[in-house]
Amino acid sequence: MRVALDTNLLAYAQGVNGDAMKKMALALIGALPTGAVVLPAQVIAELFQVLIRKGQLLPAQARAAILSWCNVFPVAETSLPVLLGAAELSVSHRFSFWDGMVLASAAEAGCRLLLSEDLHPGFTWNSITVANPFATPKHPLLQNLLTS
């Protein structure tokens, strides 16, 4: 099963929300099966901005951070079907266009799960389900992924 990561998980792994969240995020990312993780391009763009604004990194430092994530995990490109999916999510489900881009990109990449603390937990669209990776108990799809 493929899984996409939302911006907040990567930002936490970069230490944006303190050491405790950094440890939790890194442990979760490290527990995911090798080859299962995909990063939507929109997530990489958002992470760059979060690292500069909230993380107070210099642009060169933020660039180095996003490049390191891109070296570890494949990046799902933004395509016309992704843009149209984002618009559909915005119109039909009241997602922001940018959150819709993340979800549509993950769906286009064949992900079954999107790990996000911010998006609608349990929401399913085009065979992809949003799960909060920090929720207790863990979503069954995430639990199965972590124990496989």
Foldseek 3Di string as FASTA:
>chain_A
DAEEEAQVLLLLCVQLPHDVSVVVSVVLVVLFDQPRYEYEPLSLVVNLVCCCVRVVDDSVVSVVSSVVVCVRHPYQYQDPQLQVQLVCCCVPVVDHSSVSSRVSSCLVVVHQEYADPPDDAQDDDNNHGYWDCPDPPGDVVSVVRSVD
